[in-house]
Amino acid sequence: MDKNELIRLAANRAQESLQGGKLKGKAWIAIAVAGVVLLLGFLAYRLILIELVTRLSDHH
């Protein structure tokens, strides 16, 4: 192995390790979908809770 080939191999390894830390498009979509589902679930929970409290206070 000559010096240029070793440098090229080292550069390829460095490039692979840099790309390994990046999130792919599908991973970003999955994170976004999970966030939206969590947000909608939280909002539904809050609306149900508010409805329950107002219904209880009306009867009292």
C-alpha atoms as a PDB file:
ATOM      1  CA  MET A   1       0.000   0.000   0.000  1.00  0.00           C
ATOM      2  CA  ASP A   2       1.331   3.347  -0.934  1.00  0.00           C
ATOM      3  CA  LYS A   3       0.790   6.603   0.898  1.00  0.00           C
ATOM      4  CA  ASN A   4      -1.971   7.892  -1.422  1.00  0.00           C
ATOM      5  CA  GLU A   5      -4.037   4.728  -1.001  1.00  0.00           C
ATOM      6  CA  LEU A   6      -3.746   4.920   2.791  1.00  0.00           C
ATOM      7  CA  ILE A   7      -4.875   8.551   2.717  1.00  0.00           C
ATOM      8  CA  ARG A   8      -7.810   7.631   0.479  1.00  0.00           C
ATOM      9  CA  LEU A   9      -8.849   4.775   2.784  1.00  0.00           C
ATOM     10  CA  ALA A  10      -8.614   7.041   5.839  1.00  0.00           C
ATOM     11  CA  ALA A  11     -10.723   9.710   4.089  1.00  0.00           C
ATOM     12  CA  ASN A  12     -13.359   7.113   3.172  1.00  0.00           C
ATOM     13  CA  ARG A  13     -13.511   5.901   6.787  1.00  0.00           C
ATOM     14  CA  ALA A  14     -13.892   9.457   8.065  1.00  0.00           C
ATOM     15  CA  GLN A  15     -16.674  10.123   5.548  1.00  0.00           C
ATOM     16  CA  GLU A  16     -18.522   6.944   6.614  1.00  0.00           C
ATOM     17  CA  SER A  17     -18.354   7.899  10.292  1.00  0.00           C
ATOM     18  CA  LEU A  18     -19.678  11.384   9.512  1.00  0.00           C
ATOM     19  CA  GLN A  19     -22.610   9.986   7.537  1.00  0.00           C
ATOM     20  CA  GLY A  20     -23.423   7.511  10.312  1.00  0.00           C
ATOM     21  CA  GLY A  21     -24.349  10.354  12.646  1.00  0.00           C
ATOM     22  CA  LYS A  22     -26.918  11.845  10.302  1.00  0.00           C
ATOM     23  CA  LEU A  23     -30.597  10.974  10.477  1.00  0.00           C
ATOM     24  CA  LYS A  24     -32.123   9.739   7.264  1.00  0.00           C
ATOM     25  CA  GLY A  25     -35.339  11.145   5.841  1.00  0.00           C
ATOM     26  CA  LYS A  26     -37.465   8.235   7.058  1.00  0.00           C
ATOM     27  CA  ALA A  27     -36.183   8.693  10.602  1.00  0.00           C
ATOM     28  CA  TRP A  28     -37.135  12.387  10.546  1.00  0.00           C
ATOM     29  CA  ILE A  29     -40.601  11.490   9.259  1.00  0.00           C
ATOM     30  CA  ALA A  30     -41.013   8.874  12.005  1.00  0.00           C
ATOM     31  CA  ILE A  31     -39.983  11.385  14.686  1.00  0.00           C
ATOM     32  CA  ALA A  32     -42.376  14.002  13.264  1.00  0.00           C
ATOM     33  CA  VAL A  33     -45.277  11.528  13.136  1.00  0.00           C
ATOM     34  CA  ALA A  34     -44.594  10.398  16.708  1.00  0.00           C
ATOM     35  CA  GLY A  35     -44.524  14.031  17.842  1.00  0.00           C
ATOM     36  CA  VAL A  36     -47.834  14.811  16.126  1.00  0.00           C
ATOM     37  CA  VAL A  37     -49.466  11.712  17.626  1.00  0.00           C
ATOM     38  CA  LEU A  38     -48.230  12.679  21.086  1.00  0.00           C
ATOM     39  CA  LEU A  39     -49.459  16.238  20.656  1.00  0.00           C
ATOM     40  CA  LEU A  40     -52.904  15.123  19.462  1.00  0.00           C
ATOM     41  CA  GLY A  41     -53.152  12.634  22.307  1.00  0.00           C
ATOM     42  CA  PHE A  42     -52.288  15.322  24.835  1.00  0.00           C
ATOM     43  CA  LEU A  43     -54.831  17.730  23.342  1.00  0.00           C
ATOM     44  CA  ALA A  44     -57.544  15.062  23.350  1.00  0.00           C
ATOM     45  CA  TYR A  45     -56.750  14.239  26.968  1.00  0.00           C
ATOM     46  CA  ARG A  46     -56.978  17.906  27.945  1.00  0.00           C
ATOM     47  CA  LEU A  47     -60.279  18.409  26.088  1.00  0.00           C
ATOM     48  CA  ILE A  48     -61.802  15.326  27.717  1.00  0.00           C
ATOM     49  CA  LEU A  49     -60.584  16.485  31.123  1.00  0.00           C
ATOM     50  CA  ILE A  50     -62.023  19.993  30.616  1.00  0.00           C
ATOM     51  CA  GLU A  51     -65.332  18.505  29.429  1.00  0.00           C
ATOM     52  CA  LEU A  52     -65.478  16.262  32.496  1.00  0.00           C
ATOM     53  CA  VAL A  53     -64.736  19.114  34.899  1.00  0.00           C
ATOM     54  CA  THR A  54     -67.304  21.448  33.318  1.00  0.00           C
ATOM     55  CA  ARG A  55     -69.931  18.702  33.280  1.00  0.00           C
ATOM     56  CA  LEU A  56     -69.314  17.976  36.957  1.00  0.00           C
ATOM     57  CA  SER A  57     -69.427  21.652  37.919  1.00  0.00           C
ATOM     58  CA  ASP A  58     -72.714  22.178  36.032  1.00  0.00           C
ATOM     59  CA  HIS A  59     -74.447  19.459  38.038  1.00  0.00           C
ATOM     60  CA  HIS A  60     -73.243  20.908  41.306  1.00  0.00           C
END
